[in-house]
């Protein structure tokens, strides 16, 4: 297999695995420490990743190097692999990316806000089950 075909094979395999996991190119770039442009170039079959990048990419996408390289099909290896990681919602991935880049002061503020939200939720759940007191008491004559 020549370099051009290898690039295309790796790109198609990587894109198919990424989409199957519900990841965006930005998610892959962030987790591998690559630029978004480079991930796109790999998937389009324009760039050939280094061996360490290829190994990291296959681990992230939960597929074997052989599948990425087109040596075996994904169907052949699927029976021997552990299930892929559970899907995360898009908003959770976005939040994770933003928090990873946030300074410590921002993380402290976010942590305080979350603690307040949790406390508020606990308080409101307790109040739902209690009968409300009325201000008027009945007087007996």
Protein backbone atom coordinates (compact mmCIF):
# COMPACT_ATOMS: atom_id res chain seq x y z
CA UNK A 1 0.00 0.00 0.00
CA UNK A 2 1.46 3.37 -0.96
CA UNK A 3 1.42 6.48 1.25
CA UNK A 4 -1.58 8.05 -0.51
CA UNK A 5 -3.76 4.98 -0.04
CA UNK A 6 -2.55 4.57 3.53
CA UNK A 7 -3.52 8.16 4.35
CA UNK A 8 -6.98 7.66 2.88
CA UNK A 9 -7.47 4.35 4.70
CA UNK A 10 -6.42 5.79 8.06
CA UNK A 11 -8.60 8.85 7.49
CA UNK A 12 -11.73 6.89 6.60
CA UNK A 13 -11.25 4.48 9.50
CA UNK A 14 -10.61 7.27 11.99
CA UNK A 15 -13.63 9.27 10.86
CA UNK A 16 -15.95 6.24 10.97
CA UNK A 17 -14.80 5.32 14.49
CA UNK A 18 -15.04 8.93 15.72
CA UNK A 19 -18.56 9.35 14.38
CA UNK A 20 -19.60 5.98 15.84
CA UNK A 21 -18.48 7.22 19.28
CA UNK A 22 -20.30 10.51 18.84
CA UNK A 23 -17.11 12.55 19.12
CA UNK A 24 -16.35 15.72 17.21
CA UNK A 25 -13.01 16.48 15.57
CA UNK A 26 -12.51 19.08 18.30
CA UNK A 27 -12.97 16.38 20.97
CA UNK A 28 -10.31 14.20 19.33
CA UNK A 29 -7.93 17.12 18.88
CA UNK A 30 -8.33 18.17 22.52
CA UNK A 31 -7.83 14.70 23.95
CA UNK A 32 -4.79 13.96 21.78
CA UNK A 33 -3.21 17.40 22.08
CA UNK A 34 -3.40 18.00 18.33
CA UNK A 35 -4.71 20.93 16.35
CA UNK A 36 -8.21 20.71 14.95
CA UNK A 37 -6.78 21.32 11.48
CA UNK A 38 -4.41 18.36 11.76
CA UNK A 39 -7.19 16.01 12.83
CA UNK A 40 -9.22 17.19 9.84
CA UNK A 41 -6.26 16.63 7.52
CA UNK A 42 -5.84 13.09 8.86
CA UNK A 43 -9.52 12.30 8.29
CA UNK A 44 -9.46 13.74 4.77
CA UNK A 45 -6.47 11.54 3.93
CA UNK A 46 -4.13 14.50 3.42
CA UNK A 47 -1.82 13.95 6.42
CA UNK A 48 -0.20 10.82 7.79
CA UNK A 49 -0.03 10.71 11.60
CA UNK A 50 3.16 9.71 13.40
CA UNK A 51 3.29 6.26 14.99
CA UNK A 52 2.71 7.62 18.54
CA UNK A 53 -0.23 9.68 17.27
CA UNK A 54 -1.64 6.65 15.48
CA UNK A 55 -1.40 4.56 18.67
CA UNK A 56 -3.06 7.33 20.74
CA UNK A 57 -5.77 7.77 18.10
CA UNK A 58 -6.62 4.07 18.06
CA UNK A 59 -6.79 3.98 21.87
CA UNK A 60 -9.05 7.03 21.99
CA UNK A 61 -11.35 5.67 19.29
CA UNK A 62 -11.41 2.20 20.89
CA UNK A 63 -10.27 0.43 17.73
CA UNK A 64 -7.12 -1.52 16.97
CA UNK A 65 -4.19 -0.15 15.02
CA UNK A 66 -4.85 -2.88 12.47
CA UNK A 67 -8.30 -1.42 11.80
CA UNK A 68 -6.90 2.10 11.41
CA UNK A 69 -4.26 0.82 9.01
CA UNK A 70 -6.81 -1.18 7.03
CA UNK A 71 -5.14 -4.52 7.77
CA UNK A 72 -8.36 -5.99 9.19
CA UNK A 73 -11.91 -4.73 9.12
CA UNK A 74 -13.63 -3.46 12.22
CA UNK A 75 -16.16 -6.28 11.98
CA UNK A 76 -13.35 -8.83 12.38
CA UNK A 77 -12.04 -7.25 15.57
CA UNK A 78 -15.36 -6.17 17.09
CA UNK A 79 -16.04 -9.58 18.61
CA UNK A 80 -12.66 -9.49 20.42
CA UNK A 81 -12.86 -5.92 21.75
CA UNK A 82 -14.33 -4.52 24.89
CA UNK A 83 -17.31 -2.24 24.34
CA UNK A 84 -16.56 1.40 23.50
CA UNK A 85 -16.78 3.97 26.29
CA UNK A 86 -20.29 5.25 27.02
CA UNK A 87 -21.44 8.21 24.97
CA UNK A 88 -21.28 11.58 26.58
CA UNK A 89 -23.68 14.30 25.75
CA UNK A 90 -22.41 17.07 23.54
CA UNK A 91 -22.88 19.66 26.27
CA UNK A 92 -20.84 17.53 28.72
CA UNK A 93 -17.96 17.27 26.22
CA UNK A 94 -18.10 21.03 25.57
CA UNK A 95 -18.09 21.76 29.28
CA UNK A 96 -15.21 19.34 29.82
CA UNK A 97 -13.16 21.07 27.11
CA UNK A 98 -13.85 24.51 28.55
CA UNK A 99 -13.07 23.46 32.12
CA UNK A 100 -9.79 21.87 31.06
CA UNK A 101 -8.67 25.25 29.69
CA UNK A 102 -10.05 27.34 32.57
CA UNK A 103 -7.77 28.96 35.16
CA UNK A 104 -7.96 27.79 38.79
CA UNK A 105 -9.89 30.90 39.86
CA UNK A 106 -12.65 30.07 37.37
CA UNK A 107 -12.75 26.46 38.55
CA UNK A 108 -13.21 27.61 42.16
CA UNK A 109 -16.15 29.82 41.15
CA UNK A 110 -17.73 26.99 39.13
CA UNK A 111 -17.26 24.63 42.08
CA UNK A 112 -18.97 27.09 44.44
CA UNK A 113 -21.86 27.56 42.01
CA UNK A 114 -22.35 23.82 41.67
CA UNK A 115 -22.33 23.41 45.46
CA UNK A 116 -25.03 26.09 45.74
CA UNK A 117 -27.14 24.43 43.03
CA UNK A 118 -26.85 21.07 44.80
CA UNK A 119 -27.77 22.62 48.16
CA UNK A 120 -30.72 24.41 46.60
CA UNK A 121 -31.92 21.19 44.94
CA UNK A 122 -31.70 19.29 48.24
CA UNK A 123 -33.63 22.01 50.04
CA UNK A 124 -36.37 22.14 47.43
CA UNK A 125 -36.75 18.34 47.48
CA UNK A 126 -37.20 18.40 51.26
CA UNK A 127 -39.81 21.15 51.03
CA UNK A 128 -41.85 19.27 48.44
CA UNK A 129 -42.66 16.53 50.93
CA UNK A 130 -43.56 18.81 53.87
CA UNK A 131 -47.01 20.28 54.19
CA UNK A 132 -46.90 24.03 54.08
CA UNK A 133 -47.75 25.87 57.27
CA UNK A 134 -50.39 28.50 57.09
CA UNK A 135 -50.10 31.72 59.03
CA UNK A 136 -53.64 31.52 60.42
CA UNK A 137 -54.50 29.30 63.32
CA UNK A 138 -58.06 28.45 64.03
CA UNK A 139 -59.42 29.82 67.27
CA UNK A 140 -61.83 27.87 69.33
CA UNK A 141 -64.57 29.87 71.08
